Amino acid sequence: MAPYLETVTSFADVPITDAGVDTVTFLQAAEGLVGMFDLLGSAAFSVVQSDLKGNIAKVRARYEAAPTLSSTLELLVENEKNEKKRTATEGLLWLLRGLSFTCKALQNAQSNKSEELSAAFTKSYDVTLKKFHNFVVKGIFAVAMKACPYRADFYTKLAADPAGGPSVSQEKLNEELDKWLAALSNIVTRMEAFYEKGNYAKGF
């Protein structure tokens, strides 16, 4: 075994070509991010996890139904646009919103080493998901933010080898995490621009 980030597909390894973002590798990397919430160790985040998992499943179902038309995220959305129900297009949109929330929260934590995770996640929520949520969901997220573990505990878990091997250094962890987050941010920004340009988010 190895520290968490070495056990999952990194967003830095997701191929991006002229045709777009590779669907299969992107979904594998997204699943890796979902697993990271287990390290946060709070049941309050289960709502975020189940939302991300549900949206990954919608995109994967579309890919499996039409793999040649869905090899990249862009092609998948394009090829679904004339259908009455655009389940994968909506699922991907919400998946990107959830990934953006997590990405910005961890980037906040990375850029301010003295900030606790609850503050980093709250700041991120305010600029990403909050505007899409109703009163009830906002309340659920407020509880989740307060239930964030201590920063030091989370980073210790992230650096640890679950099999009991040596932990990676904090320096190495920061390097890997920064690379992972930069690649994720790049994909989210790219896809947000794609949705906006094609008006694919309309109705969602």
C-alpha atoms as a PDB file:
ATOM      1  CA  MET A   1       0.000   0.000   0.000  1.00  0.00           C
ATOM      2  CA  ALA A   2       0.968   3.649  -0.200  1.00  0.00           C
ATOM      3  CA  PRO A   3      -0.252   7.066   0.964  1.00  0.00           C
ATOM      4  CA  TYR A   4      -3.733   7.950  -0.299  1.00  0.00           C
ATOM      5  CA  LEU A   5      -2.848  10.145  -3.275  1.00  0.00           C
ATOM      6  CA  GLU A   6      -0.589   7.402  -4.632  1.00  0.00           C
ATOM      7  CA  THR A   7      -3.408   4.842  -4.514  1.00  0.00           C
ATOM      8  CA  VAL A   8      -5.855   6.762  -6.710  1.00  0.00           C
ATOM      9  CA  THR A   9      -5.840   8.151 -10.252  1.00  0.00           C
ATOM     10  CA  SER A  10      -4.525  11.717 -10.204  1.00  0.00           C
ATOM     11  CA  PHE A  11      -6.286  14.447 -12.145  1.00  0.00           C
ATOM     12  CA  ALA A  12      -2.781  15.253 -13.418  1.00  0.00           C
ATOM     13  CA  ASP A  13      -2.893  11.898 -15.278  1.00  0.00           C
ATOM     14  CA  VAL A  14      -6.211  12.575 -17.063  1.00  0.00           C
ATOM     15  CA  PRO A  15      -5.431  12.907 -20.789  1.00  0.00           C
ATOM     16  CA  ILE A  16      -6.690  16.093 -22.460  1.00  0.00           C
ATOM     17  CA  THR A  17      -6.591  16.150 -26.259  1.00  0.00           C
ATOM     18  CA  ASP A  18      -8.102  18.311 -29.009  1.00  0.00           C
ATOM     19  CA  ALA A  19     -11.255  16.192 -28.600  1.00  0.00           C
ATOM     20  CA  GLY A  20     -11.457  17.017 -24.898  1.00  0.00           C
ATOM     21  CA  VAL A  21     -11.075  15.476 -21.426  1.00  0.00           C
ATOM     22  CA  ASP A  22     -10.815  11.670 -21.386  1.00  0.00           C
ATOM     23  CA  THR A  23     -14.044  10.374 -19.821  1.00  0.00           C
ATOM     24  CA  VAL A  24     -12.868   7.090 -18.275  1.00  0.00           C
ATOM     25  CA  THR A  25      -9.742   8.475 -16.578  1.00  0.00           C
ATOM     26  CA  PHE A  26     -11.637  11.540 -15.378  1.00  0.00           C
ATOM     27  CA  LEU A  27     -14.266   9.346 -13.693  1.00  0.00           C
ATOM     28  CA  GLN A  28     -11.526   7.248 -12.042  1.00  0.00           C
ATOM     29  CA  ALA A  29      -9.894  10.416 -10.678  1.00  0.00           C
ATOM     30  CA  ALA A  30     -13.289  11.715  -9.480  1.00  0.00           C
ATOM     31  CA  GLU A  31     -13.821   8.443  -7.574  1.00  0.00           C
ATOM     32  CA  GLY A  32     -10.445   9.000  -5.929  1.00  0.00           C
ATOM     33  CA  LEU A  33     -11.619  12.385  -4.723  1.00  0.00           C
ATOM     34  CA  VAL A  34     -14.838  10.862  -3.330  1.00  0.00           C
ATOM     35  CA  GLY A  35     -12.714   8.454  -1.281  1.00  0.00           C
ATOM     36  CA  MET A  36     -10.813  11.359   0.209  1.00  0.00           C
ATOM     37  CA  PHE A  37     -13.936  12.308   2.157  1.00  0.00           C
ATOM     38  CA  ASP A  38     -13.525   9.050   4.092  1.00  0.00           C
ATOM     39  CA  LEU A  39     -10.305  10.535   5.457  1.00  0.00           C
ATOM     40  CA  LEU A  40     -12.249  13.550   6.690  1.00  0.00           C
ATOM     41  CA  GLY A  41     -13.970  10.988   8.871  1.00  0.00           C
ATOM     42  CA  SER A  42     -17.222  12.862   9.310  1.00  0.00           C
ATOM     43  CA  ALA A  43     -20.640  11.403   8.586  1.00  0.00           C
ATOM     44  CA  ALA A  44     -21.745  14.983   7.867  1.00  0.00           C
ATOM     45  CA  PHE A  45     -19.954  14.786   4.532  1.00  0.00           C
ATOM     46  CA  SER A  46     -21.923  11.709   3.468  1.00  0.00           C
ATOM     47  CA  VAL A  47     -24.369  13.980   1.634  1.00  0.00           C
ATOM     48  CA  VAL A  48     -21.493  15.359  -0.476  1.00  0.00           C
ATOM     49  CA  GLN A  49     -20.132  11.889  -1.123  1.00  0.00           C
ATOM     50  CA  SER A  50     -23.448  10.392  -2.162  1.00  0.00           C
ATOM     51  CA  ASP A  51     -24.097  13.360  -4.474  1.00  0.00           C
ATOM     52  CA  LEU A  52     -20.708  12.951  -6.153  1.00  0.00           C
ATOM     53  CA  LYS A  53     -21.148   9.161  -6.443  1.00  0.00           C
ATOM     54  CA  GLY A  54     -24.617   9.542  -7.944  1.00  0.00           C
ATOM     55  CA  ASN A  55     -23.372  11.979 -10.574  1.00  0.00           C
ATOM     56  CA  ILE A  56     -20.356   9.822 -11.428  1.00  0.00           C
ATOM     57  CA  ALA A  57     -22.803   6.923 -11.964  1.00  0.00           C
ATOM     58  CA  LYS A  58     -24.931   9.024 -14.359  1.00  0.00           C
ATOM     59  CA  VAL A  59     -21.927   9.967 -16.485  1.00  0.00           C
ATOM     60  CA  ARG A  60     -20.575   6.389 -16.440  1.00  0.00           C
ATOM     61  CA  ALA A  61     -23.969   4.962 -17.486  1.00  0.00           C
ATOM     62  CA  ARG A  62     -23.998   7.257 -20.512  1.00  0.00           C
ATOM     63  CA  TYR A  63     -20.429   6.307 -21.394  1.00  0.00           C
ATOM     64  CA  GLU A  64     -21.231   2.593 -21.173  1.00  0.00           C
ATOM     65  CA  ALA A  65     -24.364   3.049 -23.299  1.00  0.00           C
ATOM     66  CA  ALA A  66     -22.500   4.927 -26.040  1.00  0.00           C
ATOM     67  CA  PRO A  67     -18.717   4.616 -25.539  1.00  0.00           C
ATOM     68  CA  THR A  68     -17.669   5.738 -29.021  1.00  0.00           C
ATOM     69  CA  LEU A  69     -19.779   8.889 -28.714  1.00  0.00           C
ATOM     70  CA  SER A  70     -18.607   9.575 -25.161  1.00  0.00           C
ATOM     71  CA  SER A  71     -14.835   9.105 -25.217  1.00  0.00           C
ATOM     72  CA  THR A  72     -14.347  12.646 -23.914  1.00  0.00           C
ATOM     73  CA  LEU A  73     -16.569  14.672 -21.609  1.00  0.00           C
ATOM     74  CA  GLU A  74     -17.133  17.242 -24.351  1.00  0.00           C
ATOM     75  CA  LEU A  75     -18.231  14.620 -26.892  1.00  0.00           C
ATOM     76  CA  LEU A  76     -20.533  13.011 -24.330  1.00  0.00           C
ATOM     77  CA  VAL A  77     -22.343  16.319 -23.704  1.00  0.00           C
ATOM     78  CA  GLU A  78     -22.470  17.186 -27.418  1.00  0.00           C
ATOM     79  CA  ASN A  79     -23.950  13.813 -28.298  1.00  0.00           C
ATOM     80  CA  GLU A  80     -26.617  14.014 -25.642  1.00  0.00           C
ATOM     81  CA  LYS A  81     -27.799  17.543 -26.452  1.00  0.00           C
ATOM     82  CA  ASN A  82     -30.654  16.553 -28.785  1.00  0.00           C
ATOM     83  CA  GLU A  83     -32.162  14.010 -26.422  1.00  0.00           C
ATOM     84  CA  LYS A  84     -35.233  14.786 -24.357  1.00  0.00           C
ATOM     85  CA  LYS A  85     -33.571  13.834 -21.074  1.00  0.00           C
ATOM     86  CA  ARG A  86     -29.944  14.902 -20.722  1.00  0.00           C
ATOM     87  CA  THR A  87     -29.224  12.886 -17.596  1.00  0.00           C
ATOM     88  CA  ALA A  88     -25.440  12.647 -18.066  1.00  0.00           C
ATOM     89  CA  THR A  89     -25.116  16.328 -19.019  1.00  0.00           C
ATOM     90  CA  GLU A  90     -26.873  17.329 -15.795  1.00  0.00           C
ATOM     91  CA  GLY A  91     -24.949  14.724 -13.769  1.00  0.00           C
ATOM     92  CA  LEU A  92     -21.613  15.963 -15.106  1.00  0.00           C
ATOM     93  CA  LEU A  93     -22.551  19.577 -14.400  1.00  0.00           C
ATOM     94  CA  TRP A  94     -23.321  18.793 -10.748  1.00  0.00           C
ATOM     95  CA  LEU A  95     -20.250  16.576 -10.502  1.00  0.00           C
ATOM     96  CA  LEU A  96     -18.091  19.486 -11.703  1.00  0.00           C
ATOM     97  CA  ARG A  97     -19.744  21.774  -9.145  1.00  0.00           C
ATOM     98  CA  GLY A  98     -18.965  19.307  -6.348  1.00  0.00           C
ATOM     99  CA  LEU A  99     -15.395  18.873  -7.556  1.00  0.00           C
ATOM    100  CA  SER A 100     -14.942  22.642  -7.753  1.00  0.00           C
ATOM    101  CA  PHE A 101     -16.153  22.981  -4.145  1.00  0.00           C
ATOM    102  CA  THR A 102     -13.682  20.367  -2.910  1.00  0.00           C
ATOM    103  CA  CYS A 103     -10.829  21.677  -5.047  1.00  0.00           C
ATOM    104  CA  LYS A 104     -11.185  25.272  -3.859  1.00  0.00           C
ATOM    105  CA  ALA A 105     -11.519  24.174  -0.233  1.00  0.00           C
ATOM    106  CA  LEU A 106      -8.256  22.222  -0.374  1.00  0.00           C
ATOM    107  CA  GLN A 107      -6.533  25.001  -2.312  1.00  0.00           C
ATOM    108  CA  ASN A 108      -7.590  27.395   0.456  1.00  0.00           C
ATOM    109  CA  ALA A 109      -6.075  24.996   2.999  1.00  0.00           C
ATOM    110  CA  GLN A 110      -2.877  24.710   0.956  1.00  0.00           C
ATOM    111  CA  SER A 111      -2.409  28.459   0.538  1.00  0.00           C
ATOM    112  CA  ASN A 112      -3.083  29.257   4.191  1.00  0.00           C
ATOM    113  CA  LYS A 113      -1.285  26.750   6.360  1.00  0.00           C
ATOM    114  CA  SER A 114      -2.652  28.182   9.615  1.00  0.00           C
ATOM    115  CA  GLU A 115      -6.301  27.920   8.546  1.00  0.00           C
ATOM    116  CA  GLU A 116      -8.458  25.104   9.863  1.00  0.00           C
ATOM    117  CA  LEU A 117     -10.368  22.947   7.343  1.00  0.00           C
ATOM    118  CA  SER A 118     -13.766  24.179   8.540  1.00  0.00           C
ATOM    119  CA  ALA A 119     -12.823  27.729   7.479  1.00  0.00           C
ATOM    120  CA  ALA A 120     -11.292  26.558   4.181  1.00  0.00           C
ATOM    121  CA  PHE A 121     -14.405  24.531   3.260  1.00  0.00           C
ATOM    122  CA  THR A 122     -16.827  27.284   4.345  1.00  0.00           C
ATOM    123  CA  LYS A 123     -15.059  29.887   2.183  1.00  0.00           C
ATOM    124  CA  SER A 124     -15.161  27.518  -0.771  1.00  0.00           C
ATOM    125  CA  TYR A 125     -18.837  26.696  -0.267  1.00  0.00           C
ATOM    126  CA  ASP A 126     -19.714  30.401  -0.294  1.00  0.00           C
ATOM    127  CA  VAL A 127     -18.211  30.880  -3.781  1.00  0.00           C
ATOM    128  CA  THR A 128     -19.115  27.526  -5.382  1.00  0.00           C
ATOM    129  CA  LEU A 129     -22.198  25.559  -4.313  1.00  0.00           C
ATOM    130  CA  LYS A 130     -24.095  27.966  -2.066  1.00  0.00           C
ATOM    131  CA  LYS A 131     -25.848  29.834  -4.888  1.00  0.00           C
ATOM    132  CA  PHE A 132     -27.334  26.570  -6.222  1.00  0.00           C
ATOM    133  CA  HIS A 133     -28.715  25.336  -2.889  1.00  0.00           C
ATOM    134  CA  ASN A 134     -32.000  25.917  -1.097  1.00  0.00           C
ATOM    135  CA  PHE A 135     -32.366  26.737   2.582  1.00  0.00           C
ATOM    136  CA  VAL A 136     -32.452  23.092   3.713  1.00  0.00           C
ATOM    137  CA  VAL A 137     -29.344  22.023   1.786  1.00  0.00           C
ATOM    138  CA  LYS A 138     -27.456  25.120   2.966  1.00  0.00           C
ATOM    139  CA  GLY A 139     -28.220  23.998   6.531  1.00  0.00           C
ATOM    140  CA  ILE A 140     -26.870  20.490   5.864  1.00  0.00           C
ATOM    141  CA  PHE A 141     -23.652  21.939   4.470  1.00  0.00           C
ATOM    142  CA  ALA A 142     -23.282  24.346   7.396  1.00  0.00           C
ATOM    143  CA  VAL A 143     -23.321  21.319   9.730  1.00  0.00           C
ATOM    144  CA  ALA A 144     -20.799  19.477   7.534  1.00  0.00           C
ATOM    145  CA  MET A 145     -18.354  22.416   7.608  1.00  0.00           C
ATOM    146  CA  LYS A 146     -18.458  22.571  11.388  1.00  0.00           C
ATOM    147  CA  ALA A 147     -17.783  18.834  11.540  1.00  0.00           C
ATOM    148  CA  CYS A 148     -14.511  19.059   9.575  1.00  0.00           C
ATOM    149  CA  PRO A 149     -11.633  17.342  11.366  1.00  0.00           C
ATOM    150  CA  TYR A 150      -8.638  19.267  12.590  1.00  0.00           C
ATOM    151  CA  ARG A 151      -6.318  20.213   9.793  1.00  0.00           C
ATOM    152  CA  ALA A 152      -3.344  18.366  11.326  1.00  0.00           C
ATOM    153  CA  ASP A 153      -5.333  15.116  11.663  1.00  0.00           C
ATOM    154  CA  PHE A 154      -6.491  15.213   8.038  1.00  0.00           C
ATOM    155  CA  TYR A 155      -3.021  15.904   6.642  1.00  0.00           C
ATOM    156  CA  THR A 156      -1.560  13.147   8.820  1.00  0.00           C
ATOM    157  CA  LYS A 157      -4.107  10.675   7.372  1.00  0.00           C
ATOM    158  CA  LEU A 158      -3.399  11.898   3.847  1.00  0.00           C
ATOM    159  CA  ALA A 159       0.340  11.282   4.313  1.00  0.00           C
ATOM    160  CA  ALA A 160      -0.058   7.909   6.047  1.00  0.00           C
ATOM    161  CA  ASP A 161       0.190   4.466   4.485  1.00  0.00           C
ATOM    162  CA  PRO A 162      -2.988   2.574   5.511  1.00  0.00           C
ATOM    163  CA  ALA A 163      -0.982  -0.661   5.479  1.00  0.00           C
ATOM    164  CA  GLY A 164       1.316   0.672   8.173  1.00  0.00           C
ATOM    165  CA  GLY A 165       4.281   1.566   5.964  1.00  0.00           C
ATOM    166  CA  PRO A 166       6.195   4.837   6.324  1.00  0.00           C
ATOM    167  CA  SER A 167       4.306   8.104   5.829  1.00  0.00           C
ATOM    168  CA  VAL A 168       5.400  10.515   3.119  1.00  0.00           C
ATOM    169  CA  SER A 169       6.934  13.800   4.216  1.00  0.00           C
ATOM    170  CA  GLN A 170       4.678  16.844   4.490  1.00  0.00           C
ATOM    171  CA  GLU A 171       6.776  18.476   1.774  1.00  0.00           C
ATOM    172  CA  LYS A 172       6.199  15.593  -0.643  1.00  0.00           C
ATOM    173  CA  LEU A 173       2.508  15.496   0.250  1.00  0.00           C
ATOM    174  CA  ASN A 174       2.111  19.223  -0.441  1.00  0.00           C
ATOM    175  CA  GLU A 175       3.863  18.827  -3.779  1.00  0.00           C
ATOM    176  CA  GLU A 176       1.575  15.934  -4.840  1.00  0.00           C
ATOM    177  CA  LEU A 177      -1.575  17.618  -3.549  1.00  0.00           C
ATOM    178  CA  ASP A 178      -0.772  20.905  -5.307  1.00  0.00           C
ATOM    179  CA  LYS A 179      -0.215  19.066  -8.594  1.00  0.00           C
ATOM    180  CA  TRP A 180      -3.451  17.090  -8.176  1.00  0.00           C
ATOM    181  CA  LEU A 181      -5.475  20.224  -7.344  1.00  0.00           C
ATOM    182  CA  ALA A 182      -3.980  22.327 -10.158  1.00  0.00           C
ATOM    183  CA  ALA A 183      -4.928  19.644 -12.695  1.00  0.00           C
ATOM    184  CA  LEU A 184      -8.444  19.341 -11.231  1.00  0.00           C
ATOM    185  CA  SER A 185      -8.890  23.121 -11.280  1.00  0.00           C
ATOM    186  CA  ASN A 186      -7.776  23.205 -14.915  1.00  0.00           C
ATOM    187  CA  ILE A 187     -10.351  20.539 -15.915  1.00  0.00           C
ATOM    188  CA  VAL A 188     -13.185  22.240 -13.989  1.00  0.00           C
ATOM    189  CA  THR A 189     -12.387  25.646 -15.532  1.00  0.00           C
ATOM    190  CA  ARG A 190     -12.197  24.126 -18.996  1.00  0.00           C
ATOM    191  CA  MET A 191     -15.521  22.304 -18.630  1.00  0.00           C
ATOM    192  CA  GLU A 192     -17.299  25.310 -17.090  1.00  0.00           C
ATOM    193  CA  ALA A 193     -16.275  27.371 -20.133  1.00  0.00           C
ATOM    194  CA  PHE A 194     -17.478  24.568 -22.437  1.00  0.00           C
ATOM    195  CA  TYR A 195     -20.896  24.418 -20.733  1.00  0.00           C
ATOM    196  CA  GLU A 196     -21.231  28.193 -20.875  1.00  0.00           C
ATOM    197  CA  LYS A 197     -20.230  28.484 -24.523  1.00  0.00           C
ATOM    198  CA  GLY A 198     -22.666  25.793 -25.631  1.00  0.00           C
ATOM    199  CA  ASN A 199     -25.393  26.870 -23.182  1.00  0.00           C
ATOM    200  CA  TYR A 200     -25.487  23.232 -21.967  1.00  0.00           C
ATOM    201  CA  ALA A 201     -26.327  24.175 -18.377  1.00  0.00           C
ATOM    202  CA  LYS A 202     -29.691  25.646 -19.388  1.00  0.00           C
ATOM    203  CA  GLY A 203     -32.492  24.150 -17.324  1.00  0.00           C
ATOM    204  CA  PHE A 204     -30.149  22.750 -14.677  1.00  0.00           C
END
